[in-house]
Amino acid sequence: MIAIDILLVVTGGAALILGLVGCLLPILPGPPLALAGLLLAYFSSFCTISAETLIYSTIAVSIVTVIDFILPLWLTKKTGGTKYGVWGATAGLIAGLFLGPFGVIIGPFAGAFIGEIVHDRKDPDKAVKAAAGSFLGFLLGTGMKLVTVGALIWIFIDSFF
């Protein structure tokens, strides 16, 4: 039985770490992965996590995940962006994955800017504004995910004491 508990805790801890990495790399679903890690720890006799904590954590992760999908698109449109800017930001994010952490940060901005310039070459100021909205949405979404996963990691660590 102890071997299963150790496996649950180690696998849960690994999922939490991958969830933290997933906050910065959109290839991994950060908060849901971290929540899975917390759930694994819940079933271990080494951790004392309440069902109520899991319910609140699930609600928080669900809200943050939905907001993270909506926020960059909404801010891009709110700052005058079009679907070209949104698609450009998405393409920039994917391209940025191959350039490391700096690419993931700059990619959405550059992609939104290029998308807006393709749409309307006569208004580069509008393209910069839409790109800034996309970038702000990315930063806010990433910040929310980091705070949420940080809280889940804290719950995991605190559950041992």
C-alpha atoms as a PDB file:
ATOM      1  CA  MET A   1       0.000   0.000   0.000  1.00  0.00           C
ATOM      2  CA  ILE A   2       2.859   2.379   0.721  1.00  0.00           C
ATOM      3  CA  ALA A   3       4.215   1.846  -2.797  1.00  0.00           C
ATOM      4  CA  ILE A   4       0.898   2.986  -4.277  1.00  0.00           C
ATOM      5  CA  ASP A   5       0.866   6.046  -2.013  1.00  0.00           C
ATOM      6  CA  ILE A   6       4.394   6.931  -3.076  1.00  0.00           C
ATOM      7  CA  LEU A   7       3.441   6.462  -6.719  1.00  0.00           C
ATOM      8  CA  LEU A   8       0.388   8.714  -6.275  1.00  0.00           C
ATOM      9  CA  VAL A   9       2.383  11.466  -4.576  1.00  0.00           C
ATOM     10  CA  VAL A  10       5.302  11.350  -7.031  1.00  0.00           C
ATOM     11  CA  THR A  11       2.996  11.257 -10.059  1.00  0.00           C
ATOM     12  CA  GLY A  12       0.853  14.030  -8.552  1.00  0.00           C
ATOM     13  CA  GLY A  13       3.928  16.164  -7.891  1.00  0.00           C
ATOM     14  CA  ALA A  14       5.175  15.598 -11.443  1.00  0.00           C
ATOM     15  CA  ALA A  15       1.766  16.606 -12.827  1.00  0.00           C
ATOM     16  CA  LEU A  16       1.867  19.791 -10.734  1.00  0.00           C
ATOM     17  CA  ILE A  17       5.319  20.658 -12.085  1.00  0.00           C
ATOM     18  CA  LEU A  18       4.183  19.945 -15.647  1.00  0.00           C
ATOM     19  CA  GLY A  19       1.138  22.111 -14.944  1.00  0.00           C
ATOM     20  CA  LEU A  20       3.439  24.960 -13.957  1.00  0.00           C
ATOM     21  CA  VAL A  21       5.418  24.512 -17.173  1.00  0.00           C
ATOM     22  CA  GLY A  22       2.113  24.378 -19.067  1.00  0.00           C
ATOM     23  CA  CYS A  23       1.277  27.877 -17.850  1.00  0.00           C
ATOM     24  CA  LEU A  24       4.081  29.158 -20.074  1.00  0.00           C
ATOM     25  CA  LEU A  25       3.963  26.613 -22.899  1.00  0.00           C
ATOM     26  CA  PRO A  26       0.519  26.315 -24.464  1.00  0.00           C
ATOM     27  CA  ILE A  27       1.276  22.759 -25.608  1.00  0.00           C
ATOM     28  CA  LEU A  28       0.414  21.576 -22.085  1.00  0.00           C
ATOM     29  CA  PRO A  29      -2.892  22.398 -20.380  1.00  0.00           C
ATOM     30  CA  GLY A  30      -1.289  23.902 -17.267  1.00  0.00           C
ATOM     31  CA  PRO A  31      -4.057  24.332 -14.670  1.00  0.00           C
ATOM     32  CA  PRO A  32      -5.999  21.160 -15.602  1.00  0.00           C
ATOM     33  CA  LEU A  33      -2.781  19.147 -15.456  1.00  0.00           C
ATOM     34  CA  ALA A  34      -1.932  20.611 -12.049  1.00  0.00           C
ATOM     35  CA  LEU A  35      -5.472  19.841 -10.848  1.00  0.00           C
ATOM     36  CA  ALA A  36      -4.971  16.224 -11.934  1.00  0.00           C
ATOM     37  CA  GLY A  37      -1.815  16.161  -9.815  1.00  0.00           C
ATOM     38  CA  LEU A  38      -3.727  17.455  -6.815  1.00  0.00           C
ATOM     39  CA  LEU A  39      -6.399  14.821  -7.396  1.00  0.00           C
ATOM     40  CA  LEU A  40      -3.773  12.065  -7.443  1.00  0.00           C
ATOM     41  CA  ALA A  41      -2.348  13.366  -4.161  1.00  0.00           C
ATOM     42  CA  TYR A  42      -5.853  13.384  -2.676  1.00  0.00           C
ATOM     43  CA  PHE A  43      -5.979   9.586  -2.982  1.00  0.00           C
ATOM     44  CA  SER A  44      -2.656   9.136  -1.185  1.00  0.00           C
ATOM     45  CA  SER A  45      -2.618   8.533   2.542  1.00  0.00           C
ATOM     46  CA  PHE A  46       0.373  10.895   2.807  1.00  0.00           C
ATOM     47  CA  CYS A  47      -1.645  13.991   1.895  1.00  0.00           C
ATOM     48  CA  THR A  48      -4.582  15.555   3.721  1.00  0.00           C
ATOM     49  CA  ILE A  49      -6.579  17.348   1.053  1.00  0.00           C
ATOM     50  CA  SER A  50     -10.309  17.746   1.636  1.00  0.00           C
ATOM     51  CA  ALA A  51     -12.982  17.075  -0.941  1.00  0.00           C
ATOM     52  CA  GLU A  52     -14.129  20.666  -0.441  1.00  0.00           C
ATOM     53  CA  THR A  53     -10.654  21.904  -1.419  1.00  0.00           C
ATOM     54  CA  LEU A  54     -10.801  19.776  -4.568  1.00  0.00           C
ATOM     55  CA  ILE A  55     -14.213  21.182  -5.469  1.00  0.00           C
ATOM     56  CA  TYR A  56     -13.053  24.789  -5.042  1.00  0.00           C
ATOM     57  CA  SER A  57      -9.857  24.027  -6.942  1.00  0.00           C
ATOM     58  CA  THR A  58     -11.851  22.492  -9.793  1.00  0.00           C
ATOM     59  CA  ILE A  59     -14.093  25.553  -9.976  1.00  0.00           C
ATOM     60  CA  ALA A  60     -11.079  27.899  -9.981  1.00  0.00           C
ATOM     61  CA  VAL A  61      -9.263  25.898 -12.660  1.00  0.00           C
ATOM     62  CA  SER A  62     -12.404  25.780 -14.815  1.00  0.00           C
ATOM     63  CA  ILE A  63     -12.923  29.541 -14.584  1.00  0.00           C
ATOM     64  CA  VAL A  64      -9.264  30.339 -15.278  1.00  0.00           C
ATOM     65  CA  THR A  65      -9.154  27.946 -18.239  1.00  0.00           C
ATOM     66  CA  VAL A  66     -12.244  29.485 -19.839  1.00  0.00           C
ATOM     67  CA  ILE A  67     -11.029  33.041 -19.211  1.00  0.00           C
ATOM     68  CA  ASP A  68      -7.614  32.173 -20.631  1.00  0.00           C
ATOM     69  CA  PHE A  69      -9.229  31.169 -23.924  1.00  0.00           C
ATOM     70  CA  ILE A  70     -11.516  34.185 -24.104  1.00  0.00           C
ATOM     71  CA  LEU A  71      -9.336  37.020 -22.748  1.00  0.00           C
ATOM     72  CA  PRO A  72      -6.740  37.329 -25.544  1.00  0.00           C
ATOM     73  CA  LEU A  73      -9.430  37.207 -28.214  1.00  0.00           C
ATOM     74  CA  TRP A  74     -11.621  39.695 -26.394  1.00  0.00           C
ATOM     75  CA  LEU A  75      -8.765  42.145 -25.759  1.00  0.00           C
ATOM     76  CA  THR A  76      -7.602  41.888 -29.366  1.00  0.00           C
ATOM     77  CA  LYS A  77     -11.100  42.754 -30.569  1.00  0.00           C
ATOM     78  CA  LYS A  78     -11.563  45.394 -27.852  1.00  0.00           C
ATOM     79  CA  THR A  79      -8.421  47.184 -29.039  1.00  0.00           C
ATOM     80  CA  GLY A  80      -9.645  47.279 -32.632  1.00  0.00           C
ATOM     81  CA  GLY A  81      -8.337  43.948 -33.858  1.00  0.00           C
ATOM     82  CA  THR A  82     -10.037  41.824 -36.469  1.00  0.00           C
ATOM     83  CA  LYS A  83     -10.141  38.094 -37.023  1.00  0.00           C
ATOM     84  CA  TYR A  84      -6.869  38.531 -38.935  1.00  0.00           C
ATOM     85  CA  GLY A  85      -5.212  39.763 -35.765  1.00  0.00           C
ATOM     86  CA  VAL A  86      -6.691  36.928 -33.727  1.00  0.00           C
ATOM     87  CA  TRP A  87      -5.543  34.332 -36.253  1.00  0.00           C
ATOM     88  CA  GLY A  88      -2.170  36.033 -36.482  1.00  0.00           C
ATOM     89  CA  ALA A  89      -1.770  35.957 -32.710  1.00  0.00           C
ATOM     90  CA  THR A  90      -2.583  32.248 -32.688  1.00  0.00           C
ATOM     91  CA  ALA A  91      -0.125  31.541 -35.499  1.00  0.00           C
ATOM     92  CA  GLY A  92       2.500  33.678 -33.756  1.00  0.00           C
ATOM     93  CA  LEU A  93       2.033  31.721 -30.558  1.00  0.00           C
ATOM     94  CA  ILE A  94       2.514  28.417 -32.365  1.00  0.00           C
ATOM     95  CA  ALA A  95       5.564  29.718 -34.250  1.00  0.00           C
ATOM     96  CA  GLY A  96       6.926  31.157 -31.022  1.00  0.00           C
ATOM     97  CA  LEU A  97       6.975  27.701 -29.439  1.00  0.00           C
ATOM     98  CA  PHE A  98       9.971  26.853 -31.609  1.00  0.00           C
ATOM     99  CA  LEU A  99      11.847  29.933 -30.408  1.00  0.00           C
ATOM    100  CA  GLY A 100      11.694  29.180 -26.696  1.00  0.00           C
ATOM    101  CA  PRO A 101      10.215  31.286 -23.901  1.00  0.00           C
ATOM    102  CA  PHE A 102      11.020  34.567 -25.641  1.00  0.00           C
ATOM    103  CA  GLY A 103       9.211  33.357 -28.765  1.00  0.00           C
ATOM    104  CA  VAL A 104       6.137  32.386 -26.761  1.00  0.00           C
ATOM    105  CA  ILE A 105       5.974  35.902 -25.328  1.00  0.00           C
ATOM    106  CA  ILE A 106       6.719  37.846 -28.527  1.00  0.00           C
ATOM    107  CA  GLY A 107       5.010  35.455 -30.977  1.00  0.00           C
ATOM    108  CA  PRO A 108       1.394  36.461 -30.238  1.00  0.00           C
ATOM    109  CA  PHE A 109       2.256  40.155 -30.455  1.00  0.00           C
ATOM    110  CA  ALA A 110       4.143  39.775 -33.752  1.00  0.00           C
ATOM    111  CA  GLY A 111       1.483  37.471 -35.176  1.00  0.00           C
ATOM    112  CA  ALA A 112      -1.359  39.856 -34.326  1.00  0.00           C
ATOM    113  CA  PHE A 113       0.584  42.754 -35.789  1.00  0.00           C
ATOM    114  CA  ILE A 114       1.317  40.864 -39.030  1.00  0.00           C
ATOM    115  CA  GLY A 115      -2.298  39.690 -39.256  1.00  0.00           C
ATOM    116  CA  GLU A 116      -3.604  43.226 -38.912  1.00  0.00           C
ATOM    117  CA  ILE A 117      -1.082  44.598 -41.414  1.00  0.00           C
ATOM    118  CA  VAL A 118      -2.149  41.923 -43.925  1.00  0.00           C
ATOM    119  CA  HIS A 119      -5.746  42.986 -43.343  1.00  0.00           C
ATOM    120  CA  ASP A 120      -5.139  46.738 -43.584  1.00  0.00           C
ATOM    121  CA  ARG A 121      -1.719  47.982 -44.677  1.00  0.00           C
ATOM    122  CA  LYS A 122      -2.805  51.612 -44.461  1.00  0.00           C
ATOM    123  CA  ASP A 123      -3.216  51.690 -40.680  1.00  0.00           C
ATOM    124  CA  PRO A 124      -0.110  50.421 -38.839  1.00  0.00           C
ATOM    125  CA  ASP A 125      -1.175  52.249 -35.665  1.00  0.00           C
ATOM    126  CA  LYS A 126      -4.321  50.118 -35.522  1.00  0.00           C
ATOM    127  CA  ALA A 127      -2.174  47.006 -36.022  1.00  0.00           C
ATOM    128  CA  VAL A 128       0.090  47.970 -33.108  1.00  0.00           C
ATOM    129  CA  LYS A 129      -2.913  48.650 -30.880  1.00  0.00           C
ATOM    130  CA  ALA A 130      -4.513  45.284 -31.729  1.00  0.00           C
ATOM    131  CA  ALA A 131      -1.193  43.503 -31.228  1.00  0.00           C
ATOM    132  CA  ALA A 132      -0.807  45.176 -27.833  1.00  0.00           C
ATOM    133  CA  GLY A 133      -4.288  43.943 -26.887  1.00  0.00           C
ATOM    134  CA  SER A 134      -3.347  40.420 -27.881  1.00  0.00           C
ATOM    135  CA  PHE A 135      -0.111  40.638 -25.918  1.00  0.00           C
ATOM    136  CA  LEU A 136      -1.895  42.017 -22.845  1.00  0.00           C
ATOM    137  CA  GLY A 137      -4.429  39.196 -23.045  1.00  0.00           C
ATOM    138  CA  PHE A 138      -1.622  36.662 -23.219  1.00  0.00           C
ATOM    139  CA  LEU A 139       0.139  38.196 -20.202  1.00  0.00           C
ATOM    140  CA  LEU A 140      -3.035  38.381 -18.115  1.00  0.00           C
ATOM    141  CA  GLY A 141      -4.016  34.821 -19.005  1.00  0.00           C
ATOM    142  CA  THR A 142      -0.551  33.526 -18.184  1.00  0.00           C
ATOM    143  CA  GLY A 143      -0.554  35.439 -14.905  1.00  0.00           C
ATOM    144  CA  MET A 144      -3.913  33.976 -13.886  1.00  0.00           C
ATOM    145  CA  LYS A 145      -2.712  30.471 -14.717  1.00  0.00           C
ATOM    146  CA  LEU A 146       0.522  30.926 -12.761  1.00  0.00           C
ATOM    147  CA  VAL A 147      -1.332  32.176  -9.686  1.00  0.00           C
ATOM    148  CA  THR A 148      -3.829  29.317  -9.864  1.00  0.00           C
ATOM    149  CA  VAL A 149      -1.202  26.606 -10.336  1.00  0.00           C
ATOM    150  CA  GLY A 150       0.924  28.218  -7.630  1.00  0.00           C
ATOM    151  CA  ALA A 151      -2.029  27.901  -5.250  1.00  0.00           C
ATOM    152  CA  LEU A 152      -2.482  24.242  -6.204  1.00  0.00           C
ATOM    153  CA  ILE A 153       1.207  23.578  -5.565  1.00  0.00           C
ATOM    154  CA  TRP A 154       0.891  25.304  -2.194  1.00  0.00           C
ATOM    155  CA  ILE A 155      -2.102  23.096  -1.312  1.00  0.00           C
ATOM    156  CA  PHE A 156      -0.086  20.017  -2.324  1.00  0.00           C
ATOM    157  CA  ILE A 157       2.928  20.985  -0.209  1.00  0.00           C
ATOM    158  CA  ASP A 158       0.786  22.083   2.732  1.00  0.00           C
ATOM    159  CA  SER A 159      -1.123  18.783   2.672  1.00  0.00           C
ATOM    160  CA  PHE A 160       1.943  16.966   3.997  1.00  0.00           C
ATOM    161  CA  PHE A 161       2.022  18.946   7.251  1.00  0.00           C
END
